[in-house]
PDB file of N, CA and C in Angstrom:
ATOM      1  N   UNK A   1      -0.704  -5.795   7.413  1.00  0.00           N
ATOM      2  CA  UNK A   1      -0.117  -6.011   6.110  1.00  0.00           C
ATOM      3  C   UNK A   1      -0.650  -4.931   5.167  1.00  0.00           C
ATOM      4  N   UNK A   2       0.232  -4.366   4.428  1.00  0.00           N
ATOM      5  CA  UNK A   2      -0.157  -3.361   3.441  1.00  0.00           C
ATOM      6  C   UNK A   2      -0.568  -4.087   2.158  1.00  0.00           C
ATOM      7  N   UNK A   3      -1.734  -3.729   1.625  1.00  0.00           N
ATOM      8  CA  UNK A   3      -2.236  -4.354   0.393  1.00  0.00           C
ATOM      9  C   UNK A   3      -2.685  -3.262  -0.578  1.00  0.00           C
ATOM     10  N   UNK A   4      -2.738  -3.639  -1.842  1.00  0.00           N
ATOM     11  CA  UNK A   4      -3.253  -2.710  -2.846  1.00  0.00           C
ATOM     12  C   UNK A   4      -4.773  -2.674  -2.785  1.00  0.00           C
ATOM     13  N   UNK A   5      -5.326  -1.495  -2.899  1.00  0.00           N
ATOM     14  CA  UNK A   5      -6.776  -1.327  -2.987  1.00  0.00           C
ATOM     15  C   UNK A   5      -7.246  -1.389  -4.433  1.00  0.00           C
ATOM     16  N   UNK A   6      -6.331  -1.230  -5.364  1.00  0.00           N
ATOM     17  CA  UNK A   6      -6.661  -1.196  -6.788  1.00  0.00           C
ATOM     18  C   UNK A   6      -5.688  -2.077  -7.556  1.00  0.00           C
ATOM     19  N   UNK A   7      -6.056  -2.437  -8.761  1.00  0.00           N
ATOM     20  CA  UNK A   7      -5.146  -3.112  -9.681  1.00  0.00           C
ATOM     21  C   UNK A   7      -4.319  -2.007 -10.338  1.00  0.00           C
ATOM     22  N   UNK A   8      -3.084  -1.862  -9.887  1.00  0.00           N
ATOM     23  CA  UNK A   8      -2.238  -0.746 -10.313  1.00  0.00           C
ATOM     24  C   UNK A   8      -2.054  -0.720 -11.826  1.00  0.00           C
ATOM     25  N   UNK A   9      -1.732  -1.855 -12.415  1.00  0.00           N
ATOM     26  CA  UNK A   9      -1.498  -1.878 -13.861  1.00  0.00           C
ATOM     27  C   UNK A   9      -2.755  -1.512 -14.636  1.00  0.00           C
ATOM     28  N   UNK A  10      -3.899  -1.949 -14.158  1.00  0.00           N
ATOM     29  CA  UNK A  10      -5.163  -1.607 -14.810  1.00  0.00           C
ATOM     30  C   UNK A  10      -5.424  -0.101 -14.727  1.00  0.00           C
ATOM     31  N   UNK A  11      -5.163   0.475 -13.566  1.00  0.00           N
ATOM     32  CA  UNK A  11      -5.374   1.918 -13.389  1.00  0.00           C
ATOM     33  C   UNK A  11      -4.391   2.718 -14.244  1.00  0.00           C
ATOM     34  N   UNK A  12      -3.151   2.261 -14.325  1.00  0.00           N
ATOM     35  CA  UNK A  12      -2.176   2.939 -15.181  1.00  0.00           C
ATOM     36  C   UNK A  12      -2.615   2.884 -16.640  1.00  0.00           C
ATOM     37  N   UNK A  13      -3.090   1.724 -17.070  1.00  0.00           N
ATOM     38  CA  UNK A  13      -3.522   1.564 -18.458  1.00  0.00           C
ATOM     39  C   UNK A  13      -4.677   2.502 -18.789  1.00  0.00           C
ATOM     40  N   UNK A  14      -5.587   2.714 -17.838  1.00  0.00           N
ATOM     41  CA  UNK A  14      -6.703   3.656 -18.043  1.00  0.00           C
ATOM     42  C   UNK A  14      -6.185   5.063 -18.330  1.00  0.00           C
ATOM     43  N   UNK A  15      -5.001   5.374 -17.794  1.00  0.00           N
ATOM     44  CA  UNK A  15      -4.398   6.702 -17.984  1.00  0.00           C
ATOM     45  C   UNK A  15      -3.467   6.748 -19.185  1.00  0.00           C
ATOM     46  N   UNK A  16      -3.433   5.664 -19.965  1.00  0.00           N
ATOM     47  CA  UNK A  16      -2.585   5.640 -21.157  1.00  0.00           C
ATOM     48  C   UNK A  16      -1.176   5.138 -20.911  1.00  0.00           C
ATOM     49  N   UNK A  17      -0.935   4.577 -19.747  1.00  0.00           N
ATOM     50  CA  UNK A  17       0.388   4.072 -19.396  1.00  0.00           C
ATOM     51  C   UNK A  17       0.368   2.546 -19.428  1.00  0.00           C
ATOM     52  N   UNK A  18       0.411   1.964 -20.641  1.00  0.00           N
ATOM     53  CA  UNK A  18       0.497   0.504 -20.704  1.00  0.00           C
ATOM     54  C   UNK A  18       1.944   0.096 -20.453  1.00  0.00           C
ATOM     55  N   UNK A  19       2.173  -1.193 -20.248  1.00  0.00           N
ATOM     56  CA  UNK A  19       3.519  -1.636 -19.874  1.00  0.00           C
ATOM     57  C   UNK A  19       4.557  -1.345 -20.960  1.00  0.00           C
ATOM     58  N   UNK A  20       4.156  -1.391 -22.207  1.00  0.00           N
ATOM     59  CA  UNK A  20       5.092  -1.054 -23.281  1.00  0.00           C
ATOM     60  C   UNK A  20       5.574   0.383 -23.181  1.00  0.00           C
ATOM     61  N   UNK A  21       4.646   1.308 -22.951  1.00  0.00           N
ATOM     62  CA  UNK A  21       4.988   2.721 -22.804  1.00  0.00           C
ATOM     63  C   UNK A  21       5.853   2.930 -21.554  1.00  0.00           C
ATOM     64  N   UNK A  22       5.467   2.278 -20.468  1.00  0.00           N
ATOM     65  CA  UNK A  22       6.220   2.415 -19.210  1.00  0.00           C
ATOM     66  C   UNK A  22       7.662   1.944 -19.395  1.00  0.00           C
ATOM     67  N   UNK A  23       7.829   0.809 -20.086  1.00  0.00           N
ATOM     68  CA  UNK A  23       9.187   0.296 -20.327  1.00  0.00           C
ATOM     69  C   UNK A  23       9.967   1.219 -21.267  1.00  0.00           C
ATOM     70  N   UNK A  24       9.326   1.663 -22.332  1.00  0.00           N
ATOM     71  CA  UNK A  24      10.008   2.509 -23.324  1.00  0.00           C
ATOM     72  C   UNK A  24      10.479   3.823 -22.706  1.00  0.00           C
ATOM     73  N   UNK A  25       9.683   4.382 -21.821  1.00  0.00           N
ATOM     74  CA  UNK A  25      10.014   5.663 -21.197  1.00  0.00           C
ATOM     75  C   UNK A  25      10.720   5.513 -19.848  1.00  0.00           C
ATOM     76  N   UNK A  26      10.948   4.265 -19.428  1.00  0.00           N
ATOM     77  CA  UNK A  26      11.629   3.986 -18.153  1.00  0.00           C
ATOM     78  C   UNK A  26      10.926   4.677 -16.982  1.00  0.00           C
ATOM     79  N   UNK A  27       9.608   4.625 -16.985  1.00  0.00           N
ATOM     80  CA  UNK A  27       8.836   5.278 -15.927  1.00  0.00           C
ATOM     81  C   UNK A  27       8.918   4.473 -14.636  1.00  0.00           C
ATOM     82  N   UNK A  28       8.758   3.158 -14.741  1.00  0.00           N
ATOM     83  CA  UNK A  28       8.925   2.255 -13.598  1.00  0.00           C
ATOM     84  C   UNK A  28       9.872   1.144 -14.023  1.00  0.00           C
ATOM     85  N   UNK A  29      10.614   0.627 -13.070  1.00  0.00           N
ATOM     86  CA  UNK A  29      11.541  -0.467 -13.368  1.00  0.00           C
ATOM     87  C   UNK A  29      10.761  -1.752 -13.637  1.00  0.00           C
ATOM     88  N   UNK A  30      11.439  -2.693 -14.266  1.00  0.00           N
ATOM     89  CA  UNK A  30      10.825  -4.007 -14.496  1.00  0.00           C
ATOM     90  C   UNK A  30      10.467  -4.648 -13.160  1.00  0.00           C
ATOM     91  N   UNK A  31      11.303  -4.422 -12.163  1.00  0.00           N
ATOM     92  CA  UNK A  31      11.017  -4.946 -10.821  1.00  0.00           C
ATOM     93  C   UNK A  31       9.732  -4.375 -10.252  1.00  0.00           C
ATOM     94  N   UNK A  32       9.521  -3.081 -10.432  1.00  0.00           N
ATOM     95  CA  UNK A  32       8.279  -2.460  -9.951  1.00  0.00           C
ATOM     96  C   UNK A  32       7.075  -3.009 -10.695  1.00  0.00           C
ATOM     97  N   UNK A  33       7.205  -3.173 -12.009  1.00  0.00           N
ATOM     98  CA  UNK A  33       6.096  -3.734 -12.789  1.00  0.00           C
ATOM     99  C   UNK A  33       5.752  -5.135 -12.296  1.00  0.00           C
ATOM    100  N   UNK A  34       6.789  -5.925 -12.003  1.00  0.00           N
ATOM    101  CA  UNK A  34       6.546  -7.274 -11.492  1.00  0.00           C
ATOM    102  C   UNK A  34       5.854  -7.223 -10.136  1.00  0.00           C
ATOM    103  N   UNK A  35       6.257  -6.283  -9.305  1.00  0.00           N
ATOM    104  CA  UNK A  35       5.604  -6.136  -7.996  1.00  0.00           C
ATOM    105  C   UNK A  35       4.138  -5.750  -8.166  1.00  0.00           C
ATOM    106  N   UNK A  36       3.838  -4.870  -9.105  1.00  0.00           N
ATOM    107  CA  UNK A  36       2.434  -4.513  -9.353  1.00  0.00           C
ATOM    108  C   UNK A  36       1.647  -5.746  -9.781  1.00  0.00           C
ATOM    109  N   UNK A  37       2.243  -6.548 -10.669  1.00  0.00           N
ATOM    110  CA  UNK A  37       1.570  -7.759 -11.170  1.00  0.00           C
ATOM    111  C   UNK A  37       1.285  -8.753 -10.054  1.00  0.00           C
ATOM    112  N   UNK A  38       2.252  -8.918  -9.158  1.00  0.00           N
ATOM    113  CA  UNK A  38       2.141  -9.939  -8.111  1.00  0.00           C
ATOM    114  C   UNK A  38       1.520  -9.406  -6.822  1.00  0.00           C
ATOM    115  N   UNK A  39       1.062  -8.157  -6.856  1.00  0.00           N
ATOM    116  CA  UNK A  39       0.442  -7.528  -5.676  1.00  0.00           C
ATOM    117  C   UNK A  39       1.437  -7.367  -4.525  1.00  0.00           C
ATOM    118  N   UNK A  40       2.720  -7.291  -4.838  1.00  0.00           N
ATOM    119  CA  UNK A  40       3.771  -7.091  -3.846  1.00  0.00           C
ATOM    120  C   UNK A  40       3.844  -5.589  -3.556  1.00  0.00           C
ATOM    121  N   UNK A  41       3.582  -5.219  -2.313  1.00  0.00           N
ATOM    122  CA  UNK A  41       3.536  -3.796  -1.956  1.00  0.00           C
ATOM    123  C   UNK A  41       4.861  -3.263  -1.416  1.00  0.00           C
ATOM    124  N   UNK A  42       5.930  -4.027  -1.544  1.00  0.00           N
ATOM    125  CA  UNK A  42       7.224  -3.551  -1.043  1.00  0.00           C
ATOM    126  C   UNK A  42       7.884  -2.633  -2.077  1.00  0.00           C
ATOM    127  N   UNK A  43       7.200  -1.533  -2.343  1.00  0.00           N
ATOM    128  CA  UNK A  43       7.701  -0.538  -3.292  1.00  0.00           C
ATOM    129  C   UNK A  43       8.201   0.670  -2.511  1.00  0.00           C
ATOM    130  N   UNK A  44       9.098   1.430  -3.108  1.00  0.00           N
ATOM    131  CA  UNK A  44       9.669   2.566  -2.382  1.00  0.00           C
ATOM    132  C   UNK A  44       8.785   3.816  -2.494  1.00  0.00           C
ATOM    133  N   UNK A  45       9.137   4.806  -1.701  1.00  0.00           N
ATOM    134  CA  UNK A  45       8.339   6.040  -1.666  1.00  0.00           C
ATOM    135  C   UNK A  45       8.310   6.760  -3.007  1.00  0.00           C
ATOM    136  N   UNK A  46       9.406   6.712  -3.749  1.00  0.00           N
ATOM    137  CA  UNK A  46       9.427   7.370  -5.055  1.00  0.00           C
ATOM    138  C   UNK A  46       8.429   6.710  -5.997  1.00  0.00           C
ATOM    139  N   UNK A  47       8.340   5.394  -5.960  1.00  0.00           N
ATOM    140  CA  UNK A  47       7.376   4.680  -6.799  1.00  0.00           C
ATOM    141  C   UNK A  47       5.952   5.039  -6.391  1.00  0.00           C
ATOM    142  N   UNK A  48       5.699   5.092  -5.083  1.00  0.00           N
ATOM    143  CA  UNK A  48       4.373   5.496  -4.605  1.00  0.00           C
ATOM    144  C   UNK A  48       4.066   6.917  -5.063  1.00  0.00           C
ATOM    145  N   UNK A  49       5.045   7.799  -4.926  1.00  0.00           N
ATOM    146  CA  UNK A  49       4.867   9.182  -5.370  1.00  0.00           C
ATOM    147  C   UNK A  49       4.535   9.246  -6.856  1.00  0.00           C
ATOM    148  N   UNK A  50       5.310   8.536  -7.666  1.00  0.00           N
ATOM    149  CA  UNK A  50       5.096   8.557  -9.116  1.00  0.00           C
ATOM    150  C   UNK A  50       3.719   7.999  -9.483  1.00  0.00           C
ATOM    151  N   UNK A  51       3.319   6.918  -8.812  1.00  0.00           N
ATOM    152  CA  UNK A  51       1.977   6.375  -9.049  1.00  0.00           C
ATOM    153  C   UNK A  51       0.912   7.425  -8.744  1.00  0.00           C
ATOM    154  N   UNK A  52       1.069   8.098  -7.610  1.00  0.00           N
ATOM    155  CA  UNK A  52       0.077   9.096  -7.209  1.00  0.00           C
ATOM    156  C   UNK A  52       0.025  10.277  -8.178  1.00  0.00           C
ATOM    157  N   UNK A  53       1.164  10.687  -8.693  1.00  0.00           N
ATOM    158  CA  UNK A  53       1.191  11.779  -9.671  1.00  0.00           C
ATOM    159  C   UNK A  53       0.471  11.352 -10.945  1.00  0.00           C
ATOM    160  N   UNK A  54       0.793  10.167 -11.445  1.00  0.00           N
ATOM    161  CA  UNK A  54       0.176   9.679 -12.680  1.00  0.00           C
ATOM    162  C   UNK A  54      -1.322   9.459 -12.497  1.00  0.00           C
ATOM    163  N   UNK A  55      -1.696   8.832 -11.380  1.00  0.00           N
ATOM    164  CA  UNK A  55      -3.110   8.487 -11.156  1.00  0.00           C
ATOM    165  C   UNK A  55      -3.904   9.626 -10.514  1.00  0.00           C
ATOM    166  N   UNK A  56      -3.204  10.725 -10.206  1.00  0.00           N
ATOM    167  CA  UNK A  56      -3.842  11.891  -9.580  1.00  0.00           C
ATOM    168  C   UNK A  56      -4.622  11.471  -8.334  1.00  0.00           C
ATOM    169  N   UNK A  57      -3.881  10.864  -7.397  1.00  0.00           N
ATOM    170  CA  UNK A  57      -4.521  10.369  -6.185  1.00  0.00           C
ATOM    171  C   UNK A  57      -3.565  10.504  -5.001  1.00  0.00           C
ATOM    172  N   UNK A  58      -3.984  10.026  -3.868  1.00  0.00           N
ATOM    173  CA  UNK A  58      -3.178   9.999  -2.658  1.00  0.00           C
ATOM    174  C   UNK A  58      -2.787   8.547  -2.361  1.00  0.00           C
ATOM    175  N   UNK A  59      -1.711   8.321  -1.581  1.00  0.00           N
ATOM    176  CA  UNK A  59      -1.294   6.950  -1.288  1.00  0.00           C
ATOM    177  C   UNK A  59      -2.416   6.065  -0.730  1.00  0.00           C
ATOM    178  N   UNK A  60      -3.278   6.647   0.084  1.00  0.00           N
ATOM    179  CA  UNK A  60      -4.384   5.890   0.660  1.00  0.00           C
ATOM    180  C   UNK A  60      -5.426   5.459  -0.357  1.00  0.00           C
ATOM    181  N   UNK A  61      -5.384   6.035  -1.542  1.00  0.00           N
ATOM    182  CA  UNK A  61      -6.289   5.602  -2.608  1.00  0.00           C
ATOM    183  C   UNK A  61      -5.770   4.330  -3.284  1.00  0.00           C
ATOM    184  N   UNK A  62      -4.480   4.050  -3.094  1.00  0.00           N
ATOM    185  CA  UNK A  62      -3.831   2.911  -3.731  1.00  0.00           C
ATOM    186  C   UNK A  62      -3.577   1.775  -2.735  1.00  0.00           C
ATOM    187  N   UNK A  63      -3.164   2.147  -1.534  1.00  0.00           N
ATOM    188  CA  UNK A  63      -2.743   1.182  -0.521  1.00  0.00           C
ATOM    189  C   UNK A  63      -3.593   1.289   0.729  1.00  0.00           C
ATOM    190  N   UNK A  64      -3.733   0.157   1.431  1.00  0.00           N
ATOM    191  CA  UNK A  64      -4.397   0.174   2.734  1.00  0.00           C
ATOM    192  C   UNK A  64      -3.745  -0.862   3.639  1.00  0.00           C
ATOM    193  N   UNK A  65      -3.887  -0.648   4.934  1.00  0.00           N
ATOM    194  CA  UNK A  65      -3.361  -1.585   5.913  1.00  0.00           C
ATOM    195  C   UNK A  65      -4.499  -2.488   6.369  1.00  0.00           C
ATOM    196  N   UNK A  66      -4.279  -3.796   6.219  1.00  0.00           N
ATOM    197  CA  UNK A  66      -5.226  -4.794   6.702  1.00  0.00           C
ATOM    198  C   UNK A  66      -4.436  -5.667   7.672  1.00  0.00           C
ATOM    199  N   UNK A  67      -4.567  -5.411   8.979  1.00  0.00           N
ATOM    200  CA  UNK A  67      -3.763  -6.161   9.942  1.00  0.00           C
ATOM    201  C   UNK A  67      -4.111  -7.649   9.945  1.00  0.00           C
ATOM    202  N   UNK A  68      -3.068  -8.463   9.973  1.00  0.00           N
ATOM    203  CA  UNK A  68      -3.273  -9.905  10.096  1.00  0.00           C
ATOM    204  C   UNK A  68      -3.391 -10.253  11.572  1.00  0.00           C
ATOM    205  N   UNK A  69      -3.917 -11.416  11.863  1.00  0.00           N
ATOM    206  CA  UNK A  69      -4.009 -11.867  13.255  1.00  0.00           C
ATOM    207  C   UNK A  69      -2.625 -11.918  13.886  1.00  0.00           C
ATOM    208  N   UNK A  70      -1.635 -12.386  13.126  1.00  0.00           N
ATOM    209  CA  UNK A  70      -0.270 -12.455  13.639  1.00  0.00           C
ATOM    210  C   UNK A  70       0.266 -11.073  14.001  1.00  0.00           C
ATOM    211  N   UNK A  71      -0.019 -10.082  13.179  1.00  0.00           N
ATOM    212  CA  UNK A  71       0.447  -8.715  13.466  1.00  0.00           C
ATOM    213  C   UNK A  71      -0.230  -8.166  14.712  1.00  0.00           C
ATOM    214  N   UNK A  72      -1.509  -8.395  14.831  1.00  0.00           N
ATOM    215  CA  UNK A  72      -2.255  -7.915  16.011  1.00  0.00           C
ATOM    216  C   UNK A  72      -1.686  -8.545  17.271  1.00  0.00           C
ATOM    217  N   UNK A  73      -1.413  -9.851  17.213  1.00  0.00           N
ATOM    218  CA  UNK A  73      -0.851 -10.538  18.379  1.00  0.00           C
ATOM    219  C   UNK A  73       0.565 -10.075  18.660  1.00  0.00           C
ATOM    220  N   UNK A  74       1.407 -10.028  17.625  1.00  0.00           N
ATOM    221  CA  UNK A  74       2.815  -9.650  17.804  1.00  0.00           C
ATOM    222  C   UNK A  74       2.965  -8.241  18.366  1.00  0.00           C
ATOM    223  N   UNK A  75       2.112  -7.353  17.918  1.00  0.00           N
ATOM    224  CA  UNK A  75       2.199  -5.953  18.345  1.00  0.00           C
ATOM    225  C   UNK A  75       1.349  -5.662  19.575  1.00  0.00           C
ATOM    226  N   UNK A  76       0.715  -6.710  20.108  1.00  0.00           N
ATOM    227  CA  UNK A  76      -0.087  -6.619  21.322  1.00  0.00           C
ATOM    228  C   UNK A  76      -1.165  -5.551  21.209  1.00  0.00           C
ATOM    229  N   UNK A  77      -1.774  -5.457  20.047  1.00  0.00           N
ATOM    230  CA  UNK A  77      -2.769  -4.418  19.790  1.00  0.00           C
ATOM    231  C   UNK A  77      -3.963  -4.556  20.721  1.00  0.00           C
ATOM    232  N   UNK A  78      -4.517  -5.761  20.859  1.00  0.00           N
ATOM    233  CA  UNK A  78      -5.698  -5.943  21.699  1.00  0.00           C
ATOM    234  C   UNK A  78      -5.376  -5.686  23.162  1.00  0.00           C
ATOM    235  N   UNK A  79      -4.199  -6.164  23.629  1.00  0.00           N
ATOM    236  CA  UNK A  79      -3.796  -5.917  25.012  1.00  0.00           C
ATOM    237  C   UNK A  79      -3.640  -4.422  25.258  1.00  0.00           C
ATOM    238  N   UNK A  80      -3.073  -3.728  24.295  1.00  0.00           N
ATOM    239  CA  UNK A  80      -2.851  -2.285  24.416  1.00  0.00           C
ATOM    240  C   UNK A  80      -4.180  -1.539  24.461  1.00  0.00           C
ATOM    241  N   UNK A  81      -5.129  -1.958  23.610  1.00  0.00           N
ATOM    242  CA  UNK A  81      -6.453  -1.330  23.618  1.00  0.00           C
ATOM    243  C   UNK A  81      -7.124  -1.511  24.980  1.00  0.00           C
ATOM    244  N   UNK A  82      -7.021  -2.717  25.549  1.00  0.00           N
ATOM    245  CA  UNK A  82      -7.617  -2.982  26.857  1.00  0.00           C
ATOM    246  C   UNK A  82      -6.946  -2.128  27.927  1.00  0.00           C
ATOM    247  N   UNK A  83      -5.624  -2.003  27.873  1.00  0.00           N
ATOM    248  CA  UNK A  83      -4.887  -1.197  28.841  1.00  0.00           C
ATOM    249  C   UNK A  83      -5.319   0.267  28.765  1.00  0.00           C
ATOM    250  N   UNK A  84      -5.421   0.781  27.550  1.00  0.00           N
ATOM    251  CA  UNK A  84      -5.825   2.178  27.367  1.00  0.00           C
ATOM    252  C   UNK A  84      -7.241   2.389  27.864  1.00  0.00           C
ATOM    253  N   UNK A  85      -8.132   1.453  27.591  1.00  0.00           N
ATOM    254  CA  UNK A  85      -9.523   1.571  28.067  1.00  0.00           C
ATOM    255  C   UNK A  85      -9.552   1.584  29.591  1.00  0.00           C
ATOM    256  N   UNK A  86      -8.764   0.724  30.239  1.00  0.00           N
ATOM    257  CA  UNK A  86      -8.728   0.704  31.713  1.00  0.00           C
ATOM    258  C   UNK A  86      -8.133   2.005  32.242  1.00  0.00           C
ATOM    259  N   UNK A  87      -7.080   2.504  31.597  1.00  0.00           N
ATOM    260  CA  UNK A  87      -6.442   3.746  32.037  1.00  0.00           C
ATOM    261  C   UNK A  87      -7.409   4.911  31.927  1.00  0.00           C
ATOM    262  N   UNK A  88      -8.180   4.921  30.856  1.00  0.00           N
ATOM    263  CA  UNK A  88      -9.155   5.998  30.669  1.00  0.00           C
ATOM    264  C   UNK A  88     -10.264   5.944  31.704  1.00  0.00           C
ATOM    265  N   UNK A  89     -10.520   4.776  32.269  1.00  0.00           N
ATOM    266  CA  UNK A  89     -11.550   4.615  33.301  1.00  0.00           C
ATOM    267  C   UNK A  89     -10.946   4.774  34.703  1.00  0.00           C
ATOM    268  N   UNK A  90      -9.624   4.995  34.758  1.00  0.00           N
ATOM    269  CA  UNK A  90      -8.939   5.144  36.034  1.00  0.00           C
ATOM    270  C   UNK A  90      -8.683   3.826  36.721  1.00  0.00           C
ATOM    271  N   UNK A  91      -8.605   2.737  35.973  1.00  0.00           N
ATOM    272  CA  UNK A  91      -8.428   1.407  36.530  1.00  0.00           C
ATOM    273  C   UNK A  91      -7.002   0.900  36.448  1.00  0.00           C
ATOM    274  N   UNK A  92      -6.078   1.714  35.967  1.00  0.00           N
ATOM    275  CA  UNK A  92      -4.711   1.204  35.821  1.00  0.00           C
ATOM    276  C   UNK A  92      -3.929   1.305  37.111  1.00  0.00           C
TER     277      UNK A  92
END
């Protein structure tokens, strides 16, 4: 699951971009602002790009992947790791 590493609105405000200014200048949509408030990371690449330009950072400074148990199981991550380890030892 992708999660925010920072409070986006707080970081924007530190740079002089409070929600009033953002709305007045149409920098981010109301939907994007709501997503920032609710920690919803389903934002598009342009929004990520704009955040990074304003905050002078890279996407990894804002977002990180924290795999859930369900994701690890669904994607067979542990099984795959075991398979690769056996293959590297010549046990496959």
